Every structure is written in structure tokens, then in C-alpha cells.
């Protein structure tokens, strides 16, 4: 069931503080409408998978990754599973070196611990501790490896392309051919193929594969079996594992709960 919620503003703090935190838990299906913050945000879930739309991109965020959201950057969030969120908010003056584009990045073990400790116990730490943690967090963010699992979204300039993209996100199986989506959208295969290249910079098959990876990582994090995910997306288990490793550099097992906990 889809649950709508208003965006939660960052907690209020003194102007002299450079680091604020927020911890929340959301059920699967929760959708946070597009919004922005005056402070920069590190959007992170210690459990669960988020689908974060920033501009005209969707960033798929399992627990090994987080999203860097610069100040005043509109973003929306869809919980693809139950999510335990632990966010950081950084004062704009302290984040000038971290970029002005929303990014998904890999979370190192050290950065994960810093986020969790500050979000869950920061209020009990001394100001000296908080200041030291803030400096280290900024350093870790600057050194973090940018993730590649991001999905281009249409800019709303063509309703047919947007209709096909949303239909694929809902049903991304290989068993559904492009012709089916085209018929539903009222456009020819040639027209839609051209629109994918012009507007999204890639062909339909490549774009759908990115959506499939997004769906697969969320289901893996929820504990679904690899063979069941593969079949639901129209693959054999072996071909799915090959595709997954080729695209993400790791086997599907790396996204299962036991691996995430480690």
C-alpha cells in the first residue's frame, strides 16, 4: 500500500552548529514528496532500500550506499522496503567542497559508524566530539566512491516516453517486449527507440536493465531468493547472476541481508 507523507524538516539547532541528525523508520511503500532543505543532507538507511529522485535521475540506495543532497536541491523518496533511516544535515558553509549535484556514493565502514553514532547518540556527545566527528565525516564524504546505479528519467517533454518509463518501472520483466509498451503508449517502436536515445542517452534495453538492477537490489536486501528474483524479471538464474556481476561488479549475494550486515 502506498503511504503519502510530508517531508520532515531537519531538526533545529544553533547557528553555530554544523552538524544535525535525524533518525526515522518508514514502512514499505512510503513516499516522501519532492522537497528541499536549506542544509545539505546525507540521506542514508541502515536497513532497507530507497528510490530517491533528484532532478531527472533516480538513485537506487541500498544500505551500502547513501545520497549526497546539496542545499536547496529538490528530491523525493520512495521506500522500496521497510527503511530505518539515519540522516545527517550539514551546514551549507561547511560543504562547499562536496559538490552541487545529487550523488549516490558508497558508504565506507568508518562513515557508516560515524552516521549511526551521530544519529543515534550524538545528543549525548560533547561539542568537541561533535566537531571532530563533523570534520571526519566531511573528509570521508570527499573521499567516497561515487556509485553507478542511477537511472535517467524523462524530463516531462514527451508524455509517450514518460508513460513507457513509468510502465517499465512497474513491470520491468524481459517477458514484456518494447512493442507492448509502445502499443500502450500510442507510439511506434521506431519513435520510442529514437526518444530513448535522444532524451535518456541510451537504448530501451539498457535503460530497462538499470531498472531491473534497481528492483533486484531492493528485493535482495529484503531477503528474496536470487532464483525467484531472476524469474520475476524474465531471466534464468545463471543469466541474471552474470548480468548482475557484469553491471555492478559483485554477485547478487553481496546485496543479501547477511552480506549487508557484515
Protein backbone atom coordinates (compact mmCIF):
# COMPACT_ATOMS: atom_id res chain seq x y z
CA UNK A 1 0.00 0.00 0.00
CA UNK A 2 1.30 3.44 -0.92
CA UNK A 3 1.60 5.83 2.00
CA UNK A 4 1.98 9.55 1.40
CA UNK A 5 3.86 11.73 3.87
CA UNK A 6 5.03 15.29 4.02
CA UNK A 7 8.75 15.93 4.07
CA UNK A 8 10.25 16.22 7.51
CA UNK A 9 12.38 19.34 8.00
CA UNK A 10 15.80 18.88 9.58
CA UNK A 11 15.86 19.34 13.34
CA UNK A 12 16.51 22.87 14.50
CA UNK A 13 19.84 23.71 16.02
CA UNK A 14 22.00 26.64 16.95
CA UNK A 15 23.52 28.59 14.06
CA UNK A 16 26.98 27.76 15.39
CA UNK A 17 26.40 24.04 14.86
CA UNK A 18 27.50 22.49 11.57
CA UNK A 19 26.02 19.02 12.04
CA UNK A 20 22.42 17.96 12.75
CA UNK A 21 20.89 14.49 12.64
CA UNK A 22 17.58 12.71 12.18
CA UNK A 23 16.52 9.08 12.67
CA UNK A 24 13.22 7.69 11.43
CA UNK A 25 11.62 4.40 10.40
CA UNK A 26 9.26 4.05 7.45
CA UNK A 27 7.10 1.14 6.23
CA UNK A 28 7.46 -0.18 2.72
CA UNK A 29 5.61 1.94 0.16
CA UNK A 30 6.02 5.25 1.97
CA UNK A 31 6.51 8.12 -0.46
CA UNK A 32 8.01 11.44 0.61
CA UNK A 33 7.01 14.21 -1.79
CA UNK A 34 9.58 16.34 -3.58
CA UNK A 35 11.09 18.88 -1.20
CA UNK A 36 14.37 20.60 -0.39
CA UNK A 37 16.35 21.70 2.66
CA UNK A 38 18.43 24.77 3.34
CA UNK A 39 21.16 22.49 4.71
CA UNK A 40 22.96 19.77 2.77
CA UNK A 41 21.80 16.24 3.54
CA UNK A 42 23.38 12.80 3.74
CA UNK A 43 20.40 10.51 3.16
CA UNK A 44 21.15 7.03 4.48
CA UNK A 45 19.30 3.89 5.57
CA UNK A 46 20.97 1.30 7.79
CA UNK A 47 18.24 -1.14 6.66
CA UNK A 48 16.07 -1.15 3.57
CA UNK A 49 16.26 0.25 0.07
CA UNK A 50 15.26 3.74 -1.07
CA UNK A 51 14.44 5.04 -4.54
CA UNK A 52 15.49 8.70 -4.48
CA UNK A 53 14.62 11.02 -7.37
CA UNK A 54 16.91 14.04 -7.69
CA UNK A 55 16.30 16.23 -10.71
CA UNK A 56 15.80 13.92 -13.67
CA UNK A 57 17.60 10.95 -12.14
CA UNK A 58 16.54 8.13 -9.86
CA UNK A 59 19.18 6.95 -7.42
CA UNK A 60 18.79 3.44 -6.03
CA UNK A 61 20.07 3.33 -2.47
CA UNK A 62 20.66 0.02 -0.67
CA UNK A 63 22.40 0.04 2.75
CA UNK A 64 25.90 0.06 1.23
CA UNK A 65 25.17 3.46 -0.29
CA UNK A 66 23.88 6.89 0.66
CA UNK A 67 22.81 10.01 -1.21
CA UNK A 68 24.51 13.36 -1.10
CA UNK A 69 21.81 16.05 -1.47
CA UNK A 70 23.25 19.58 -1.79
CA UNK A 71 21.43 22.52 -0.15
CA UNK A 72 18.22 23.67 -1.83
CA UNK A 73 18.12 20.57 -4.06
CA UNK A 74 14.64 19.13 -4.63
CA UNK A 75 14.35 15.38 -4.06
CA UNK A 76 11.66 12.79 -3.39
CA UNK A 77 11.98 9.40 -1.70
CA UNK A 78 10.15 6.11 -2.21
CA UNK A 79 10.71 3.31 0.30
CA UNK A 80 11.09 0.11 -1.72
CA UNK A 81 11.18 -1.88 1.51
CA UNK A 82 10.86 -1.12 5.21
CA UNK A 83 13.53 1.50 5.92
CA UNK A 84 15.48 2.52 9.02
CA UNK A 85 16.72 5.97 8.08
CA UNK A 86 19.67 7.75 9.66
CA UNK A 87 20.29 11.19 8.14
CA UNK A 88 22.89 13.88 8.60
CA UNK A 89 22.38 17.57 7.83
CA UNK A 90 25.47 19.67 7.20
CA UNK A 91 25.59 23.45 7.30
CA UNK A 92 25.99 24.91 3.77
CA UNK A 93 29.14 26.79 4.74
CA UNK A 94 30.80 23.51 5.67
CA UNK A 95 30.01 21.67 2.41
CA UNK A 96 31.31 23.95 -0.34
CA UNK A 97 33.90 21.36 -1.40
CA UNK A 98 31.43 18.47 -1.72
CA UNK A 99 29.71 19.40 -4.98
CA UNK A 100 26.40 20.82 -6.11
CA UNK A 101 24.96 17.72 -7.75
CA UNK A 102 22.99 14.99 -6.03
CA UNK A 103 25.09 11.81 -5.94
CA UNK A 104 24.80 8.26 -4.72
CA UNK A 105 28.05 7.11 -3.13
CA UNK A 106 29.48 4.09 -1.40
CA UNK A 107 29.50 4.17 2.40
CA UNK A 108 32.74 3.03 4.00
CA UNK A 109 32.60 1.14 7.31
CA UNK A 110 34.00 4.21 9.07
CA UNK A 111 31.44 6.56 7.54
CA UNK A 112 28.62 4.16 8.41
CA UNK A 113 29.68 4.10 12.05
CA UNK A 114 30.00 7.88 12.16
CA UNK A 115 26.50 8.32 10.74
CA UNK A 116 24.96 5.78 13.12
CA UNK A 117 26.74 7.09 16.22
CA UNK A 118 25.88 10.71 15.48
CA UNK A 119 22.26 9.99 14.50
CA UNK A 120 21.56 7.72 17.47
CA UNK A 121 23.82 9.09 20.21
CA UNK A 122 25.07 12.49 19.06
CA UNK A 123 22.93 14.38 21.55
CA UNK A 124 24.90 12.77 24.37
CA UNK A 125 28.31 13.68 22.94
CA UNK A 126 30.38 16.70 23.84
CA UNK A 127 30.69 19.62 21.43
CA UNK A 128 34.37 18.74 20.99
CA UNK A 129 33.39 15.22 19.94
CA UNK A 130 30.70 16.51 17.55
CA UNK A 131 33.13 18.95 15.92
CA UNK A 132 35.73 16.20 15.43
CA UNK A 133 33.09 13.84 14.00
CA UNK A 134 31.90 16.56 11.62
CA UNK A 135 35.40 17.13 10.26
CA UNK A 136 35.94 13.42 9.77
CA UNK A 137 32.54 12.99 8.08
CA UNK A 138 33.35 15.75 5.59
CA UNK A 139 36.70 14.10 4.83
CA UNK A 140 35.04 10.70 4.35
CA UNK A 141 32.39 12.19 2.07
CA UNK A 142 35.05 13.85 -0.04
CA UNK A 143 36.89 10.54 -0.45
CA UNK A 144 33.79 8.38 -1.05
CA UNK A 145 33.49 6.50 -4.32
CA UNK A 146 30.56 7.66 -6.43
CA UNK A 147 28.09 4.86 -7.24
CA UNK A 148 26.97 3.98 -10.76
CA UNK A 149 23.46 2.70 -10.05
CA UNK A 150 21.42 5.66 -11.26
CA UNK A 151 18.51 5.81 -13.68
CA UNK A 152 17.87 8.68 -16.05
CA UNK A 153 14.26 9.88 -16.02
CA UNK A 154 12.42 11.75 -18.79
CA UNK A 155 12.18 15.49 -18.30
CA UNK A 156 8.44 15.50 -18.94
CA UNK A 157 8.80 16.76 -22.51
CA UNK A 158 7.11 13.75 -24.11
CA UNK A 159 4.16 12.01 -22.48
CA UNK A 160 4.68 8.84 -24.53
CA UNK A 161 8.24 8.36 -23.30
CA UNK A 162 7.23 9.15 -19.74
CA UNK A 163 4.35 6.65 -19.93
CA UNK A 164 6.67 3.89 -21.15
CA UNK A 165 9.27 4.64 -18.47
CA UNK A 166 6.71 4.52 -15.67
CA UNK A 167 5.24 1.30 -17.08
CA UNK A 168 8.69 -0.32 -17.17
CA UNK A 169 9.38 0.74 -13.58
CA UNK A 170 6.15 -1.02 -12.56
CA UNK A 171 6.76 -4.13 -14.72
CA UNK A 172 10.42 -4.42 -15.83
CA UNK A 173 10.40 -8.07 -16.94
CA UNK A 174 12.19 -9.21 -20.10
CA UNK A 175 8.99 -11.11 -20.88
CA UNK A 176 7.31 -7.81 -21.81
CA UNK A 177 8.60 -6.62 -25.21
CA UNK A 178 9.07 -3.00 -26.23
CA UNK A 179 6.20 -3.44 -28.69
CA UNK A 180 3.79 -3.95 -25.80
CA UNK A 181 4.86 -0.75 -24.07
CA UNK A 182 4.68 1.15 -27.36
CA UNK A 183 1.15 -0.04 -28.03
CA UNK A 184 0.05 1.08 -24.60
CA UNK A 185 1.69 4.50 -25.08
CA UNK A 186 0.32 5.01 -28.60
CA UNK A 187 3.68 5.28 -30.36
CA UNK A 188 5.69 3.19 -32.79
CA UNK A 189 8.78 1.18 -31.81
CA UNK A 190 10.88 3.42 -34.04
CA UNK A 191 9.58 6.58 -32.37
CA UNK A 192 10.12 5.28 -28.84
CA UNK A 193 13.58 3.95 -29.69
CA UNK A 194 14.53 7.38 -31.00
CA UNK A 195 13.12 9.10 -27.91
CA UNK A 196 15.10 6.86 -25.56
CA UNK A 197 18.32 7.77 -27.35
CA UNK A 198 17.53 11.48 -27.63
CA UNK A 199 16.10 12.10 -24.17
CA UNK A 200 17.82 9.48 -22.00
CA UNK A 201 21.06 8.90 -23.88
CA UNK A 202 20.67 5.13 -24.20
CA UNK A 203 18.55 2.44 -25.80
CA UNK A 204 15.44 0.90 -24.28
CA UNK A 205 17.18 -2.38 -23.36
CA UNK A 206 19.98 -0.65 -21.46
CA UNK A 207 17.57 1.65 -19.64
CA UNK A 208 15.32 -1.26 -18.62
CA UNK A 209 18.36 -3.18 -17.39
CA UNK A 210 19.12 -0.32 -14.99
CA UNK A 211 15.55 -0.51 -13.67
CA UNK A 212 15.87 -4.27 -13.29
CA UNK A 213 19.02 -3.84 -11.24
CA UNK A 214 17.22 -1.33 -9.03
CA UNK A 215 14.35 -3.74 -8.44
CA UNK A 216 16.73 -6.65 -7.90
CA UNK A 217 18.86 -4.89 -5.30
CA UNK A 218 15.79 -3.91 -3.31
CA UNK A 219 14.42 -7.46 -3.34
CA UNK A 220 17.79 -8.95 -2.45
CA UNK A 221 18.06 -6.61 0.54
CA UNK A 222 14.63 -7.83 1.66
CA UNK A 223 15.88 -11.43 1.61
CA UNK A 224 14.22 -12.75 -1.56
CA UNK A 225 15.94 -15.70 -3.22
CA UNK A 226 18.12 -15.00 -6.26
CA UNK A 227 16.32 -17.54 -8.44
CA UNK A 228 12.91 -16.04 -7.61
CA UNK A 229 14.09 -12.51 -8.47
CA UNK A 230 15.66 -13.74 -11.69
CA UNK A 231 12.46 -15.49 -12.81
CA UNK A 232 10.31 -12.46 -11.97
CA UNK A 233 12.50 -10.32 -14.23
CA UNK A 234 12.47 -12.80 -17.10
CA UNK A 235 15.97 -14.26 -16.62
CA UNK A 236 17.30 -17.68 -15.85
CA UNK A 237 19.20 -17.66 -12.54
CA UNK A 238 22.57 -18.05 -14.27
CA UNK A 239 21.98 -15.33 -16.86
CA UNK A 240 20.68 -12.99 -14.15
CA UNK A 241 23.78 -13.57 -12.00
CA UNK A 242 26.03 -12.95 -15.00
CA UNK A 243 24.23 -9.70 -15.83
CA UNK A 244 24.29 -8.54 -12.21
CA UNK A 245 28.02 -9.18 -11.81
CA UNK A 246 28.80 -7.55 -15.15
CA UNK A 247 26.85 -4.38 -14.32
CA UNK A 248 27.64 -3.97 -10.59
CA UNK A 249 30.93 -5.82 -10.24
CA UNK A 250 29.69 -8.13 -7.47
CA UNK A 251 27.41 -11.21 -7.34
CA UNK A 252 23.77 -10.86 -6.18
CA UNK A 253 24.71 -12.41 -2.84
CA UNK A 254 26.62 -9.21 -1.97
CA UNK A 255 23.27 -7.41 -1.65
CA UNK A 256 21.57 -10.00 0.56
CA UNK A 257 20.94 -9.27 4.26
CA UNK A 258 23.82 -11.37 5.59
CA UNK A 259 26.32 -9.53 3.38
CA UNK A 260 24.87 -6.12 4.25
CA UNK A 261 25.11 -6.85 7.95
CA UNK A 262 28.75 -7.73 7.59
